[in-house]
């Protein structure tokens, strides 16, 4: 999705000498999930962590023009490494000879993932932005209660498909929407399979919990449901409710009162902080402004 000049292959774009730097500039014409990685000595540099994810999002909160509105985008980048490769940086390692022995989600594995909880709301779907920078094939196992649906592949809309599993090959990116019911407490497994012999090498667990179970919700606002998204936000929040509402800042001052124009509230000039809302029906929620 970038032109040849920004593709990163020295012989067809440009060279960056040792000690020098450059800036890649391009126009992102399609919303979606994208990856970047070092394009020199790729086998070595990829397993040493020279890669990342780029999300291109729309200001209206939809995943593409005319697509569904989501409550949040959750990036999940799958990767792996072979320790022997990192310990021998001058060695030559063909892709098919790689045998990864560390398997990660967002750079974490095993017990480290206990803090990587995906907090969802039943009011609107959560967009899982999945990308693979791994040498392994990734298979995500989605339980039925997550209501997982495939909506995008490699930054392009695809026919909507209900999922119980999804295979991802190196470099692939997908957008999967999940919308479990209120009170959900579970998650899904990401299985790492070797590309050559299809042997299962690792299973990593990604926790998914309804936001009504969040400690802060249970401690301070029992029964609160999140109805504002994206959350956190820096420029605007949207709501599915058309009722009159009041919004207070963290010092208890009313910063907005009335019906939200077109269900969209401009908070671009609001200070950073936590804002509490209450509709005329008594429903309480919160959102965070972070610039």
C-alpha atoms as a PDB file:
ATOM      1  CA  UNK A   1       0.000   0.000   0.000  1.00  0.00           C
ATOM      2  CA  UNK A   2       2.976   2.347  -0.423  1.00  0.00           C
ATOM      3  CA  UNK A   3       4.787   3.330  -3.592  1.00  0.00           C
ATOM      4  CA  UNK A   4       8.076   1.774  -4.648  1.00  0.00           C
ATOM      5  CA  UNK A   5      10.096   4.652  -3.199  1.00  0.00           C
ATOM      6  CA  UNK A   6       8.801   3.831   0.273  1.00  0.00           C
ATOM      7  CA  UNK A   7       8.946   0.039   0.017  1.00  0.00           C
ATOM      8  CA  UNK A   8      12.296  -0.125   1.809  1.00  0.00           C
ATOM      9  CA  UNK A   9      14.294  -2.287  -0.626  1.00  0.00           C
ATOM     10  CA  UNK A  10      17.580  -0.388  -1.050  1.00  0.00           C
ATOM     11  CA  UNK A  11      18.145  -1.304  -4.701  1.00  0.00           C
ATOM     12  CA  UNK A  12      14.689  -0.084  -5.754  1.00  0.00           C
ATOM     13  CA  UNK A  13      14.076   2.771  -3.316  1.00  0.00           C
ATOM     14  CA  UNK A  14      17.043   4.346  -1.516  1.00  0.00           C
ATOM     15  CA  UNK A  15      19.944   3.543   0.792  1.00  0.00           C
ATOM     16  CA  UNK A  16      20.398   4.795   4.345  1.00  0.00           C
ATOM     17  CA  UNK A  17      24.033   4.601   5.383  1.00  0.00           C
ATOM     18  CA  UNK A  18      25.208   3.680   8.859  1.00  0.00           C
ATOM     19  CA  UNK A  19      24.637   6.592  11.228  1.00  0.00           C
ATOM     20  CA  UNK A  20      22.170   8.299   8.899  1.00  0.00           C
ATOM     21  CA  UNK A  21      18.377   8.461   9.113  1.00  0.00           C
ATOM     22  CA  UNK A  22      15.417   9.143   6.885  1.00  0.00           C
ATOM     23  CA  UNK A  23      11.691   9.782   7.135  1.00  0.00           C
ATOM     24  CA  UNK A  24       9.115   7.766   5.232  1.00  0.00           C
ATOM     25  CA  UNK A  25       6.241   9.913   3.966  1.00  0.00           C
ATOM     26  CA  UNK A  26       3.161   8.571   2.206  1.00  0.00           C
ATOM     27  CA  UNK A  27      -0.593   9.096   2.073  1.00  0.00           C
ATOM     28  CA  UNK A  28      -2.664   6.371   3.722  1.00  0.00           C
ATOM     29  CA  UNK A  29      -5.560   5.918   1.295  1.00  0.00           C
ATOM     30  CA  UNK A  30      -7.216   2.921   2.950  1.00  0.00           C
ATOM     31  CA  UNK A  31      -8.183   2.461   6.586  1.00  0.00           C
ATOM     32  CA  UNK A  32      -7.078  -0.839   8.085  1.00  0.00           C
ATOM     33  CA  UNK A  33      -4.287  -2.783   9.773  1.00  0.00           C
ATOM     34  CA  UNK A  34      -0.729  -2.638   8.393  1.00  0.00           C
ATOM     35  CA  UNK A  35       2.766  -3.843   9.293  1.00  0.00           C
ATOM     36  CA  UNK A  36       6.273  -2.481   8.835  1.00  0.00           C
ATOM     37  CA  UNK A  37       9.642  -4.213   9.193  1.00  0.00           C
ATOM     38  CA  UNK A  38      13.303  -3.796   8.363  1.00  0.00           C
ATOM     39  CA  UNK A  39      14.000  -4.699   4.742  1.00  0.00           C
ATOM     40  CA  UNK A  40      17.738  -5.345   5.098  1.00  0.00           C
ATOM     41  CA  UNK A  41      18.910  -8.740   6.378  1.00  0.00           C
ATOM     42  CA  UNK A  42      15.241  -9.349   7.094  1.00  0.00           C
ATOM     43  CA  UNK A  43      15.589 -12.826   8.620  1.00  0.00           C
ATOM     44  CA  UNK A  44      17.913 -11.532  11.321  1.00  0.00           C
ATOM     45  CA  UNK A  45      16.331  -8.140  11.954  1.00  0.00           C
ATOM     46  CA  UNK A  46      12.779  -9.467  12.077  1.00  0.00           C
ATOM     47  CA  UNK A  47      13.564 -11.944  14.824  1.00  0.00           C
ATOM     48  CA  UNK A  48      15.409  -9.173  16.688  1.00  0.00           C
ATOM     49  CA  UNK A  49      12.238  -7.108  16.878  1.00  0.00           C
ATOM     50  CA  UNK A  50      12.574  -4.596  14.038  1.00  0.00           C
ATOM     51  CA  UNK A  51       8.901  -4.577  13.102  1.00  0.00           C
ATOM     52  CA  UNK A  52       5.627  -3.028  14.212  1.00  0.00           C
ATOM     53  CA  UNK A  53       1.974  -2.327  13.439  1.00  0.00           C
ATOM     54  CA  UNK A  54       0.336   0.758  11.950  1.00  0.00           C
ATOM     55  CA  UNK A  55      -3.404   1.361  12.300  1.00  0.00           C
ATOM     56  CA  UNK A  56      -5.113   3.678   9.834  1.00  0.00           C
ATOM     57  CA  UNK A  57      -8.434   4.715  11.360  1.00  0.00           C
ATOM     58  CA  UNK A  58     -11.335   6.890  10.284  1.00  0.00           C
ATOM     59  CA  UNK A  59     -12.466   9.995  12.226  1.00  0.00           C
ATOM     60  CA  UNK A  60     -16.093   8.816  12.260  1.00  0.00           C
ATOM     61  CA  UNK A  61     -15.274   5.644  14.219  1.00  0.00           C
ATOM     62  CA  UNK A  62     -16.204   3.224  11.418  1.00  0.00           C
ATOM     63  CA  UNK A  63     -13.690   0.655  10.174  1.00  0.00           C
ATOM     64  CA  UNK A  64     -14.193   1.734   6.548  1.00  0.00           C
ATOM     65  CA  UNK A  65     -16.556   4.005   4.645  1.00  0.00           C
ATOM     66  CA  UNK A  66     -20.060   2.635   5.124  1.00  0.00           C
ATOM     67  CA  UNK A  67     -18.757   0.003   7.553  1.00  0.00           C
ATOM     68  CA  UNK A  68     -19.763  -0.671  11.149  1.00  0.00           C
ATOM     69  CA  UNK A  69     -19.074   1.737  13.996  1.00  0.00           C
ATOM     70  CA  UNK A  70     -16.817   0.212  16.662  1.00  0.00           C
ATOM     71  CA  UNK A  71     -16.230   1.092  20.301  1.00  0.00           C
ATOM     72  CA  UNK A  72     -12.440   0.729  20.103  1.00  0.00           C
ATOM     73  CA  UNK A  73      -9.505  -0.644  18.122  1.00  0.00           C
ATOM     74  CA  UNK A  74      -7.375  -3.268  19.886  1.00  0.00           C
ATOM     75  CA  UNK A  75      -4.040  -4.043  18.159  1.00  0.00           C
ATOM     76  CA  UNK A  76      -2.796  -7.625  18.615  1.00  0.00           C
ATOM     77  CA  UNK A  77       0.567  -8.229  16.936  1.00  0.00           C
ATOM     78  CA  UNK A  78       1.738 -11.853  16.859  1.00  0.00           C
ATOM     79  CA  UNK A  79       5.452 -12.560  16.599  1.00  0.00           C
ATOM     80  CA  UNK A  80       8.106 -15.103  17.490  1.00  0.00           C
ATOM     81  CA  UNK A  81      11.872 -15.486  17.586  1.00  0.00           C
ATOM     82  CA  UNK A  82      14.563 -18.132  17.637  1.00  0.00           C
ATOM     83  CA  UNK A  83      17.037 -17.443  20.436  1.00  0.00           C
ATOM     84  CA  UNK A  84      19.893 -19.048  18.477  1.00  0.00           C
ATOM     85  CA  UNK A  85      19.460 -16.486  15.692  1.00  0.00           C
ATOM     86  CA  UNK A  86      19.730 -13.587  18.119  1.00  0.00           C
ATOM     87  CA  UNK A  87      22.882 -15.079  19.629  1.00  0.00           C
ATOM     88  CA  UNK A  88      24.534 -15.419  16.211  1.00  0.00           C
ATOM     89  CA  UNK A  89      23.880 -12.126  14.409  1.00  0.00           C
ATOM     90  CA  UNK A  90      26.447 -12.751  11.676  1.00  0.00           C
ATOM     91  CA  UNK A  91      24.989 -16.150  10.785  1.00  0.00           C
ATOM     92  CA  UNK A  92      22.848 -16.793   7.726  1.00  0.00           C
ATOM     93  CA  UNK A  93      19.399 -18.133   8.533  1.00  0.00           C
ATOM     94  CA  UNK A  94      17.068 -19.020   5.636  1.00  0.00           C
ATOM     95  CA  UNK A  95      13.407 -18.582   6.471  1.00  0.00           C
ATOM     96  CA  UNK A  96      12.625 -22.310   6.215  1.00  0.00           C
ATOM     97  CA  UNK A  97      15.388 -23.136   8.719  1.00  0.00           C
ATOM     98  CA  UNK A  98      13.913 -20.930  11.444  1.00  0.00           C
ATOM     99  CA  UNK A  99      12.585 -22.857  14.450  1.00  0.00           C
ATOM    100  CA  UNK A 100      11.159 -20.210  16.787  1.00  0.00           C
ATOM    101  CA  UNK A 101      11.188 -20.978  20.507  1.00  0.00           C
ATOM    102  CA  UNK A 102       9.686 -17.761  21.927  1.00  0.00           C
ATOM    103  CA  UNK A 103       6.089 -16.886  20.985  1.00  0.00           C
ATOM    104  CA  UNK A 104       4.555 -13.480  21.693  1.00  0.00           C
ATOM    105  CA  UNK A 105       1.452 -11.304  21.504  1.00  0.00           C
ATOM    106  CA  UNK A 106       2.297  -7.582  21.583  1.00  0.00           C
ATOM    107  CA  UNK A 107       5.811  -8.557  22.693  1.00  0.00           C
ATOM    108  CA  UNK A 108       4.597 -10.560  25.693  1.00  0.00           C
ATOM    109  CA  UNK A 109       4.134 -14.266  26.389  1.00  0.00           C
ATOM    110  CA  UNK A 110       2.669 -16.569  29.011  1.00  0.00           C
ATOM    111  CA  UNK A 111       2.054 -14.921  32.381  1.00  0.00           C
ATOM    112  CA  UNK A 112       3.106 -11.550  30.939  1.00  0.00           C
ATOM    113  CA  UNK A 113      -0.176 -11.545  28.997  1.00  0.00           C
ATOM    114  CA  UNK A 114      -2.259 -11.538  32.169  1.00  0.00           C
ATOM    115  CA  UNK A 115      -2.185  -7.723  32.053  1.00  0.00           C
ATOM    116  CA  UNK A 116      -3.163  -7.633  28.357  1.00  0.00           C
ATOM    117  CA  UNK A 117      -6.925  -7.807  28.918  1.00  0.00           C
ATOM    118  CA  UNK A 118      -9.268  -6.779  26.081  1.00  0.00           C
ATOM    119  CA  UNK A 119     -12.076  -4.866  27.796  1.00  0.00           C
ATOM    120  CA  UNK A 120     -15.270  -4.864  25.719  1.00  0.00           C
ATOM    121  CA  UNK A 121     -18.739  -3.354  25.874  1.00  0.00           C
ATOM    122  CA  UNK A 122     -21.960  -5.029  24.756  1.00  0.00           C
ATOM    123  CA  UNK A 123     -23.156  -1.681  23.354  1.00  0.00           C
ATOM    124  CA  UNK A 124     -20.904  -1.784  20.273  1.00  0.00           C
ATOM    125  CA  UNK A 125     -18.383  -4.202  18.748  1.00  0.00           C
ATOM    126  CA  UNK A 126     -14.666  -4.128  19.517  1.00  0.00           C
ATOM    127  CA  UNK A 127     -12.309  -4.270  16.519  1.00  0.00           C
ATOM    128  CA  UNK A 128      -9.436  -6.702  17.007  1.00  0.00           C
ATOM    129  CA  UNK A 129      -6.649  -5.507  14.703  1.00  0.00           C
ATOM    130  CA  UNK A 130      -4.698  -8.704  14.104  1.00  0.00           C
ATOM    131  CA  UNK A 131      -1.294  -8.798  12.417  1.00  0.00           C
ATOM    132  CA  UNK A 132       1.409 -11.438  12.108  1.00  0.00           C
ATOM    133  CA  UNK A 133       5.134 -10.671  12.083  1.00  0.00           C
ATOM    134  CA  UNK A 134       5.804 -14.293  13.042  1.00  0.00           C
ATOM    135  CA  UNK A 135       7.578 -17.066  11.187  1.00  0.00           C
ATOM    136  CA  UNK A 136       4.883 -19.400  12.516  1.00  0.00           C
ATOM    137  CA  UNK A 137       1.357 -19.784  11.215  1.00  0.00           C
ATOM    138  CA  UNK A 138      -1.080 -18.323  13.738  1.00  0.00           C
ATOM    139  CA  UNK A 139      -4.453 -19.917  14.393  1.00  0.00           C
ATOM    140  CA  UNK A 140      -6.864 -17.949  16.579  1.00  0.00           C
ATOM    141  CA  UNK A 141      -9.565 -20.062  18.240  1.00  0.00           C
ATOM    142  CA  UNK A 142     -12.684 -17.983  18.929  1.00  0.00           C
ATOM    143  CA  UNK A 143     -15.360 -19.331  21.286  1.00  0.00           C
ATOM    144  CA  UNK A 144     -18.951 -18.870  20.134  1.00  0.00           C
ATOM    145  CA  UNK A 145     -19.714 -16.419  22.965  1.00  0.00           C
ATOM    146  CA  UNK A 146     -17.339 -13.827  21.459  1.00  0.00           C
ATOM    147  CA  UNK A 147     -19.559 -13.504  18.360  1.00  0.00           C
ATOM    148  CA  UNK A 148     -16.399 -13.086  16.265  1.00  0.00           C
ATOM    149  CA  UNK A 149     -16.798 -11.926  12.677  1.00  0.00           C
ATOM    150  CA  UNK A 150     -14.191 -11.294   9.968  1.00  0.00           C
ATOM    151  CA  UNK A 151     -14.685  -7.889   8.297  1.00  0.00           C
ATOM    152  CA  UNK A 152     -11.345  -6.918   6.729  1.00  0.00           C
ATOM    153  CA  UNK A 153      -8.212  -8.522   5.313  1.00  0.00           C
ATOM    154  CA  UNK A 154      -4.998  -6.638   4.591  1.00  0.00           C
ATOM    155  CA  UNK A 155      -6.769  -3.282   4.831  1.00  0.00           C
ATOM    156  CA  UNK A 156      -9.655  -4.213   2.513  1.00  0.00           C
ATOM    157  CA  UNK A 157     -13.288  -5.140   3.288  1.00  0.00           C
ATOM    158  CA  UNK A 158     -14.230  -8.793   2.725  1.00  0.00           C
ATOM    159  CA  UNK A 159     -17.583 -10.617   2.829  1.00  0.00           C
ATOM    160  CA  UNK A 160     -18.563 -10.840   6.503  1.00  0.00           C
ATOM    161  CA  UNK A 161     -17.868 -14.288   7.938  1.00  0.00           C
ATOM    162  CA  UNK A 162     -18.665 -15.666  11.390  1.00  0.00           C
ATOM    163  CA  UNK A 163     -15.548 -17.269  12.854  1.00  0.00           C
ATOM    164  CA  UNK A 164     -14.682 -20.091  15.201  1.00  0.00           C
ATOM    165  CA  UNK A 165     -11.058 -19.988  14.060  1.00  0.00           C
ATOM    166  CA  UNK A 166      -8.811 -17.915  11.803  1.00  0.00           C
ATOM    167  CA  UNK A 167      -5.444 -18.850  10.268  1.00  0.00           C
ATOM    168  CA  UNK A 168      -2.874 -16.114   9.722  1.00  0.00           C
ATOM    169  CA  UNK A 169       0.274 -16.544   7.630  1.00  0.00           C
ATOM    170  CA  UNK A 170       3.383 -14.331   7.984  1.00  0.00           C
ATOM    171  CA  UNK A 171       2.624 -10.746   7.027  1.00  0.00           C
ATOM    172  CA  UNK A 172      -1.153 -11.114   6.968  1.00  0.00           C
ATOM    173  CA  UNK A 173      -3.485  -8.663   8.736  1.00  0.00           C
ATOM    174  CA  UNK A 174      -7.147  -9.027   9.625  1.00  0.00           C
ATOM    175  CA  UNK A 175      -9.860  -7.019  11.353  1.00  0.00           C
ATOM    176  CA  UNK A 176     -12.153  -9.183  13.463  1.00  0.00           C
ATOM    177  CA  UNK A 177     -15.110  -7.684  15.333  1.00  0.00           C
ATOM    178  CA  UNK A 178     -16.171  -9.225  18.634  1.00  0.00           C
ATOM    179  CA  UNK A 179     -19.208  -8.343  20.736  1.00  0.00           C
ATOM    180  CA  UNK A 180     -19.737 -10.645  23.725  1.00  0.00           C
ATOM    181  CA  UNK A 181     -22.750 -10.190  25.965  1.00  0.00           C
ATOM    182  CA  UNK A 182     -22.730  -8.135  29.150  1.00  0.00           C
ATOM    183  CA  UNK A 183     -20.803  -9.857  31.946  1.00  0.00           C
ATOM    184  CA  UNK A 184     -18.617 -11.938  29.604  1.00  0.00           C
ATOM    185  CA  UNK A 185     -15.402 -13.224  31.188  1.00  0.00           C
ATOM    186  CA  UNK A 186     -13.291 -15.390  28.905  1.00  0.00           C
ATOM    187  CA  UNK A 187     -10.999 -14.979  25.925  1.00  0.00           C
ATOM    188  CA  UNK A 188      -9.408 -16.930  23.096  1.00  0.00           C
ATOM    189  CA  UNK A 189      -6.264 -18.925  22.300  1.00  0.00           C
ATOM    190  CA  UNK A 190      -3.666 -18.022  19.700  1.00  0.00           C
ATOM    191  CA  UNK A 191      -1.913 -21.173  18.512  1.00  0.00           C
ATOM    192  CA  UNK A 192       1.540 -20.999  16.879  1.00  0.00           C
ATOM    193  CA  UNK A 193       2.155 -23.740  14.276  1.00  0.00           C
ATOM    194  CA  UNK A 194       5.467 -24.385  12.514  1.00  0.00           C
ATOM    195  CA  UNK A 195       5.301 -23.408   8.848  1.00  0.00           C
ATOM    196  CA  UNK A 196       7.157 -26.511   7.577  1.00  0.00           C
ATOM    197  CA  UNK A 197       5.796 -29.466   9.563  1.00  0.00           C
ATOM    198  CA  UNK A 198       2.610 -27.856  10.990  1.00  0.00           C
ATOM    199  CA  UNK A 199       3.596 -28.866  14.519  1.00  0.00           C
ATOM    200  CA  UNK A 200       1.853 -26.941  17.296  1.00  0.00           C
ATOM    201  CA  UNK A 201       4.610 -25.044  19.106  1.00  0.00           C
ATOM    202  CA  UNK A 202       2.752 -22.815  21.569  1.00  0.00           C
ATOM    203  CA  UNK A 203      -0.659 -21.652  22.780  1.00  0.00           C
ATOM    204  CA  UNK A 204      -1.038 -18.093  24.070  1.00  0.00           C
ATOM    205  CA  UNK A 205      -4.177 -16.901  25.891  1.00  0.00           C
ATOM    206  CA  UNK A 206      -5.734 -13.480  25.261  1.00  0.00           C
ATOM    207  CA  UNK A 207      -8.229 -12.501  27.964  1.00  0.00           C
ATOM    208  CA  UNK A 208     -11.474 -10.765  27.002  1.00  0.00           C
ATOM    209  CA  UNK A 209     -13.719  -9.303  29.722  1.00  0.00           C
ATOM    210  CA  UNK A 210     -16.815  -7.134  29.735  1.00  0.00           C
ATOM    211  CA  UNK A 211     -16.085  -3.638  31.051  1.00  0.00           C
ATOM    212  CA  UNK A 212     -18.710  -4.029  33.789  1.00  0.00           C
ATOM    213  CA  UNK A 213     -16.188  -6.408  35.421  1.00  0.00           C
ATOM    214  CA  UNK A 214     -13.393  -3.827  35.434  1.00  0.00           C
ATOM    215  CA  UNK A 215     -12.187  -3.184  39.009  1.00  0.00           C
ATOM    216  CA  UNK A 216     -12.702   0.550  38.689  1.00  0.00           C
ATOM    217  CA  UNK A 217     -16.268   0.027  37.516  1.00  0.00           C
ATOM    218  CA  UNK A 218     -17.165  -2.340  40.336  1.00  0.00           C
ATOM    219  CA  UNK A 219     -15.439  -0.191  42.966  1.00  0.00           C
ATOM    220  CA  UNK A 220     -16.930   3.159  42.065  1.00  0.00           C
ATOM    221  CA  UNK A 221     -19.840   2.827  39.664  1.00  0.00           C
ATOM    222  CA  UNK A 222     -21.585  -0.491  40.164  1.00  0.00           C
ATOM    223  CA  UNK A 223     -23.624  -1.407  37.108  1.00  0.00           C
ATOM    224  CA  UNK A 224     -22.056   1.264  34.888  1.00  0.00           C
ATOM    225  CA  UNK A 225     -22.058   0.508  31.159  1.00  0.00           C
ATOM    226  CA  UNK A 226     -19.688   2.160  28.702  1.00  0.00           C
ATOM    227  CA  UNK A 227     -21.701   3.939  25.999  1.00  0.00           C
ATOM    228  CA  UNK A 228     -19.104   6.401  24.677  1.00  0.00           C
ATOM    229  CA  UNK A 229     -16.539   5.571  22.031  1.00  0.00           C
ATOM    230  CA  UNK A 230     -13.775   5.726  21.009  1.00  0.00           C
ATOM    231  CA  UNK A 231     -12.583   5.566  24.596  1.00  0.00           C
ATOM    232  CA  UNK A 232      -9.983   6.950  25.378  1.00  0.00           C
ATOM    233  CA  UNK A 233     -10.325   9.747  22.824  1.00  0.00           C
ATOM    234  CA  UNK A 234      -8.497  12.915  21.805  1.00  0.00           C
ATOM    235  CA  UNK A 235     -10.947  14.717  19.527  1.00  0.00           C
ATOM    236  CA  UNK A 236     -14.513  13.397  19.748  1.00  0.00           C
ATOM    237  CA  UNK A 237     -16.729  10.782  21.361  1.00  0.00           C
ATOM    238  CA  UNK A 238     -19.845   9.191  19.983  1.00  0.00           C
ATOM    239  CA  UNK A 239     -22.816   7.654  21.755  1.00  0.00           C
ATOM    240  CA  UNK A 240     -25.568   5.311  20.677  1.00  0.00           C
ATOM    241  CA  UNK A 241     -28.035   7.097  22.974  1.00  0.00           C
ATOM    242  CA  UNK A 242     -30.251   9.953  21.772  1.00  0.00           C
ATOM    243  CA  UNK A 243     -31.285  10.984  25.285  1.00  0.00           C
ATOM    244  CA  UNK A 244     -30.394  14.228  27.041  1.00  0.00           C
ATOM    245  CA  UNK A 245     -27.226  13.864  29.089  1.00  0.00           C
ATOM    246  CA  UNK A 246     -24.958  15.747  31.472  1.00  0.00           C
ATOM    247  CA  UNK A 247     -21.162  15.504  31.522  1.00  0.00           C
ATOM    248  CA  UNK A 248     -18.962  16.372  34.518  1.00  0.00           C
ATOM    249  CA  UNK A 249     -15.188  16.679  34.702  1.00  0.00           C
ATOM    250  CA  UNK A 250     -13.122  15.076  37.479  1.00  0.00           C
ATOM    251  CA  UNK A 251     -13.730  18.121  39.725  1.00  0.00           C
ATOM    252  CA  UNK A 252     -17.501  17.811  39.480  1.00  0.00           C
ATOM    253  CA  UNK A 253     -18.024  20.747  37.122  1.00  0.00           C
ATOM    254  CA  UNK A 254     -20.690  20.423  34.417  1.00  0.00           C
ATOM    255  CA  UNK A 255     -18.961  20.727  31.038  1.00  0.00           C
ATOM    256  CA  UNK A 256     -21.906  19.738  28.832  1.00  0.00           C
ATOM    257  CA  UNK A 257     -25.653  19.403  29.210  1.00  0.00           C
ATOM    258  CA  UNK A 258     -28.299  18.633  26.607  1.00  0.00           C
ATOM    259  CA  UNK A 259     -28.717  16.353  23.621  1.00  0.00           C
ATOM    260  CA  UNK A 260     -25.514  15.388  21.826  1.00  0.00           C
ATOM    261  CA  UNK A 261     -25.650  16.832  18.261  1.00  0.00           C
ATOM    262  CA  UNK A 262     -25.812  13.924  15.796  1.00  0.00           C
ATOM    263  CA  UNK A 263     -24.676  11.633  18.664  1.00  0.00           C
ATOM    264  CA  UNK A 264     -21.173  13.136  18.378  1.00  0.00           C
ATOM    265  CA  UNK A 265     -19.505  15.325  21.021  1.00  0.00           C
ATOM    266  CA  UNK A 266     -16.458  17.452  20.187  1.00  0.00           C
ATOM    267  CA  UNK A 267     -13.927  17.199  23.054  1.00  0.00           C
ATOM    268  CA  UNK A 268     -10.850  18.369  21.157  1.00  0.00           C
ATOM    269  CA  UNK A 269     -10.511  21.443  23.404  1.00  0.00           C
ATOM    270  CA  UNK A 270     -11.266  19.637  26.660  1.00  0.00           C
ATOM    271  CA  UNK A 271      -8.429  19.078  29.162  1.00  0.00           C
ATOM    272  CA  UNK A 272      -7.083  15.565  29.694  1.00  0.00           C
ATOM    273  CA  UNK A 273      -9.022  13.645  32.304  1.00  0.00           C
ATOM    274  CA  UNK A 274     -11.871  11.295  33.190  1.00  0.00           C
ATOM    275  CA  UNK A 275     -15.387  12.538  32.442  1.00  0.00           C
ATOM    276  CA  UNK A 276     -18.564  11.149  33.985  1.00  0.00           C
ATOM    277  CA  UNK A 277     -21.881  11.178  32.120  1.00  0.00           C
ATOM    278  CA  UNK A 278     -25.476  10.581  33.136  1.00  0.00           C
ATOM    279  CA  UNK A 279     -28.464  10.352  30.800  1.00  0.00           C
ATOM    280  CA  UNK A 280     -31.949  11.525  31.723  1.00  0.00           C
ATOM    281  CA  UNK A 281     -32.768   7.864  32.286  1.00  0.00           C
ATOM    282  CA  UNK A 282     -30.183   7.714  35.076  1.00  0.00           C
ATOM    283  CA  UNK A 283     -27.590   5.647  33.183  1.00  0.00           C
ATOM    284  CA  UNK A 284     -24.028   6.509  34.247  1.00  0.00           C
ATOM    285  CA  UNK A 285     -20.874   6.039  32.158  1.00  0.00           C
ATOM    286  CA  UNK A 286     -17.386   7.450  31.757  1.00  0.00           C
ATOM    287  CA  UNK A 287     -14.868   8.267  29.062  1.00  0.00           C
ATOM    288  CA  UNK A 288     -11.266   9.455  29.064  1.00  0.00           C
ATOM    289  CA  UNK A 289      -9.863  12.433  27.122  1.00  0.00           C
ATOM    290  CA  UNK A 290      -6.141  12.064  26.404  1.00  0.00           C
ATOM    291  CA  UNK A 291      -4.345  14.352  23.924  1.00  0.00           C
END
